[in-house]
């Protein structure tokens, strides 16, 4: 058999069919991947690998997680600084307002 989106997807389909009781006499005998021959148990092992789509989604998640972590770290420090500045300005504003009433 050949075809499929990638070799992993094909191996997954072959193993799914082989495990189905309606296709009981069907079983993988082996295969070829990148010029190397595979035994039946190797085809079953290849079917457990992530497919191309799964690999791309894993890679995208890993790339995006770095940016998300960096963004959250930058924003958390900035929000802490902003809250401290706000608190300090409110304290100074309260002292000036309190000082004006005491002088009168």
C-alpha atoms as a PDB file:
ATOM      1  CA  UNK A   1       0.000   0.000   0.000  1.00  0.00           C
ATOM      2  CA  UNK A   2       1.088   3.553  -0.541  1.00  0.00           C
ATOM      3  CA  UNK A   3      -0.504   6.940  -0.330  1.00  0.00           C
ATOM      4  CA  UNK A   4      -1.894   8.966   2.487  1.00  0.00           C
ATOM      5  CA  UNK A   5      -0.881  12.348   3.764  1.00  0.00           C
ATOM      6  CA  UNK A   6       2.378  11.013   5.167  1.00  0.00           C
ATOM      7  CA  UNK A   7       3.918   7.660   6.064  1.00  0.00           C
ATOM      8  CA  UNK A   8       2.675   7.886   9.646  1.00  0.00           C
ATOM      9  CA  UNK A   9      -0.952   8.401   8.586  1.00  0.00           C
ATOM     10  CA  UNK A  10      -0.680   5.444   6.238  1.00  0.00           C
ATOM     11  CA  UNK A  11       0.797   3.232   8.968  1.00  0.00           C
ATOM     12  CA  UNK A  12      -2.006   4.291  11.344  1.00  0.00           C
ATOM     13  CA  UNK A  13      -4.651   3.338   8.769  1.00  0.00           C
ATOM     14  CA  UNK A  14      -3.004  -0.022   8.085  1.00  0.00           C
ATOM     15  CA  UNK A  15      -2.854  -0.853  11.797  1.00  0.00           C
ATOM     16  CA  UNK A  16      -6.465   0.303  12.304  1.00  0.00           C
ATOM     17  CA  UNK A  17      -7.618  -2.034   9.530  1.00  0.00           C
ATOM     18  CA  UNK A  18      -5.431  -4.867  10.829  1.00  0.00           C
ATOM     19  CA  UNK A  19      -6.934  -4.518  14.331  1.00  0.00           C
ATOM     20  CA  UNK A  20     -10.512  -4.559  12.992  1.00  0.00           C
ATOM     21  CA  UNK A  21     -12.092  -8.011  13.369  1.00  0.00           C
ATOM     22  CA  UNK A  22     -14.002  -7.599  10.077  1.00  0.00           C
ATOM     23  CA  UNK A  23     -10.661  -7.684   8.252  1.00  0.00           C
ATOM     24  CA  UNK A  24      -9.227 -10.573  10.282  1.00  0.00           C
ATOM     25  CA  UNK A  25      -6.974 -12.081   7.608  1.00  0.00           C
ATOM     26  CA  UNK A  26      -5.438  -8.667   6.856  1.00  0.00           C
ATOM     27  CA  UNK A  27      -2.142  -7.897   8.581  1.00  0.00           C
ATOM     28  CA  UNK A  28       0.903  -5.831   7.716  1.00  0.00           C
ATOM     29  CA  UNK A  29       3.883  -7.871   6.527  1.00  0.00           C
ATOM     30  CA  UNK A  30       6.344  -4.991   6.458  1.00  0.00           C
ATOM     31  CA  UNK A  31       7.069  -1.780   4.656  1.00  0.00           C
ATOM     32  CA  UNK A  32       9.635   0.628   3.334  1.00  0.00           C
ATOM     33  CA  UNK A  33      10.408   4.057   4.754  1.00  0.00           C
ATOM     34  CA  UNK A  34      13.123   6.269   3.275  1.00  0.00           C
ATOM     35  CA  UNK A  35      14.626   3.282   1.496  1.00  0.00           C
ATOM     36  CA  UNK A  36      14.847   1.143   4.629  1.00  0.00           C
ATOM     37  CA  UNK A  37      12.744  -1.968   4.999  1.00  0.00           C
ATOM     38  CA  UNK A  38      10.435  -2.277   8.005  1.00  0.00           C
ATOM     39  CA  UNK A  39       9.246  -5.440   9.682  1.00  0.00           C
ATOM     40  CA  UNK A  40       5.597  -5.812  10.735  1.00  0.00           C
ATOM     41  CA  UNK A  41       6.340  -4.812  14.324  1.00  0.00           C
ATOM     42  CA  UNK A  42       8.216  -1.734  13.083  1.00  0.00           C
ATOM     43  CA  UNK A  43       5.149  -0.690  11.071  1.00  0.00           C
ATOM     44  CA  UNK A  44       3.121  -0.949  14.289  1.00  0.00           C
ATOM     45  CA  UNK A  45       5.740   1.178  16.111  1.00  0.00           C
ATOM     46  CA  UNK A  46       5.692   3.807  13.335  1.00  0.00           C
ATOM     47  CA  UNK A  47       1.905   4.012  13.614  1.00  0.00           C
ATOM     48  CA  UNK A  48       2.318   5.297  17.191  1.00  0.00           C
ATOM     49  CA  UNK A  49       4.423   8.275  16.102  1.00  0.00           C
ATOM     50  CA  UNK A  50       2.714  11.669  15.733  1.00  0.00           C
ATOM     51  CA  UNK A  51       1.499  12.438  12.223  1.00  0.00           C
ATOM     52  CA  UNK A  52       2.623  15.462  10.227  1.00  0.00           C
ATOM     53  CA  UNK A  53      -0.345  17.528  11.433  1.00  0.00           C
ATOM     54  CA  UNK A  54       0.296  16.522  15.035  1.00  0.00           C
ATOM     55  CA  UNK A  55       3.987  17.387  14.703  1.00  0.00           C
ATOM     56  CA  UNK A  56       3.152  20.806  13.251  1.00  0.00           C
ATOM     57  CA  UNK A  57       0.696  21.538  16.056  1.00  0.00           C
ATOM     58  CA  UNK A  58       3.261  20.484  18.680  1.00  0.00           C
ATOM     59  CA  UNK A  59       5.872  22.715  17.036  1.00  0.00           C
ATOM     60  CA  UNK A  60       3.455  25.659  16.828  1.00  0.00           C
ATOM     61  CA  UNK A  61       2.568  25.244  20.486  1.00  0.00           C
ATOM     62  CA  UNK A  62       6.214  25.204  21.485  1.00  0.00           C
ATOM     63  CA  UNK A  63       6.977  28.314  19.450  1.00  0.00           C
ATOM     64  CA  UNK A  64       3.947  30.218  20.741  1.00  0.00           C
ATOM     65  CA  UNK A  65       4.479  29.200  24.365  1.00  0.00           C
ATOM     66  CA  UNK A  66       7.835  30.980  24.476  1.00  0.00           C
ATOM     67  CA  UNK A  67       6.246  34.224  23.288  1.00  0.00           C
ATOM     68  CA  UNK A  68       3.310  33.838  25.675  1.00  0.00           C
ATOM     69  CA  UNK A  69       5.647  33.247  28.619  1.00  0.00           C
ATOM     70  CA  UNK A  70       7.794  36.247  27.685  1.00  0.00           C
ATOM     71  CA  UNK A  71       4.729  38.437  27.247  1.00  0.00           C
ATOM     72  CA  UNK A  72       3.251  37.432  30.594  1.00  0.00           C
ATOM     73  CA  UNK A  73       6.560  38.038  32.360  1.00  0.00           C
ATOM     74  CA  UNK A  74       6.947  41.484  30.798  1.00  0.00           C
ATOM     75  CA  UNK A  75       3.343  42.433  31.487  1.00  0.00           C
ATOM     76  CA  UNK A  76       3.407  41.228  35.093  1.00  0.00           C
ATOM     77  CA  UNK A  77       6.462  43.340  35.904  1.00  0.00           C
ATOM     78  CA  UNK A  78       4.929  46.329  34.142  1.00  0.00           C
ATOM     79  CA  UNK A  79       1.616  45.977  35.962  1.00  0.00           C
ATOM     80  CA  UNK A  80       3.400  45.719  39.322  1.00  0.00           C
ATOM     81  CA  UNK A  81       5.388  48.847  38.540  1.00  0.00           C
ATOM     82  CA  UNK A  82       2.271  50.688  37.377  1.00  0.00           C
ATOM     83  CA  UNK A  83       0.370  49.771  40.548  1.00  0.00           C
ATOM     84  CA  UNK A  84       3.280  50.930  42.718  1.00  0.00           C
ATOM     85  CA  UNK A  85       3.464  54.248  40.842  1.00  0.00           C
ATOM     86  CA  UNK A  86      -0.292  54.702  41.179  1.00  0.00           C
ATOM     87  CA  UNK A  87      -0.174  53.935  44.897  1.00  0.00           C
ATOM     88  CA  UNK A  88       2.735  56.353  45.407  1.00  0.00           C
ATOM     89  CA  UNK A  89       0.988  59.119  43.472  1.00  0.00           C
ATOM     90  CA  UNK A  90      -2.202  58.604  45.496  1.00  0.00           C
ATOM     91  CA  UNK A  91      -0.193  58.824  48.729  1.00  0.00           C
ATOM     92  CA  UNK A  92       1.507  62.041  47.599  1.00  0.00           C
ATOM     93  CA  UNK A  93      -1.806  63.454  46.365  1.00  0.00           C
ATOM     94  CA  UNK A  94      -3.428  62.713  49.729  1.00  0.00           C
ATOM     95  CA  UNK A  95      -0.574  64.404  51.626  1.00  0.00           C
ATOM     96  CA  UNK A  96      -0.844  67.561  49.513  1.00  0.00           C
ATOM     97  CA  UNK A  97      -4.596  67.732  49.980  1.00  0.00           C
ATOM     98  CA  UNK A  98      -4.216  67.079  53.720  1.00  0.00           C
ATOM     99  CA  UNK A  99      -1.403  69.645  54.006  1.00  0.00           C
ATOM    100  CA  UNK A 100      -3.507  72.372  52.377  1.00  0.00           C
ATOM    101  CA  UNK A 101      -6.355  71.906  54.862  1.00  0.00           C
ATOM    102  CA  UNK A 102      -3.957  71.962  57.823  1.00  0.00           C
ATOM    103  CA  UNK A 103      -2.425  75.257  56.678  1.00  0.00           C
ATOM    104  CA  UNK A 104      -5.809  76.963  56.509  1.00  0.00           C
END
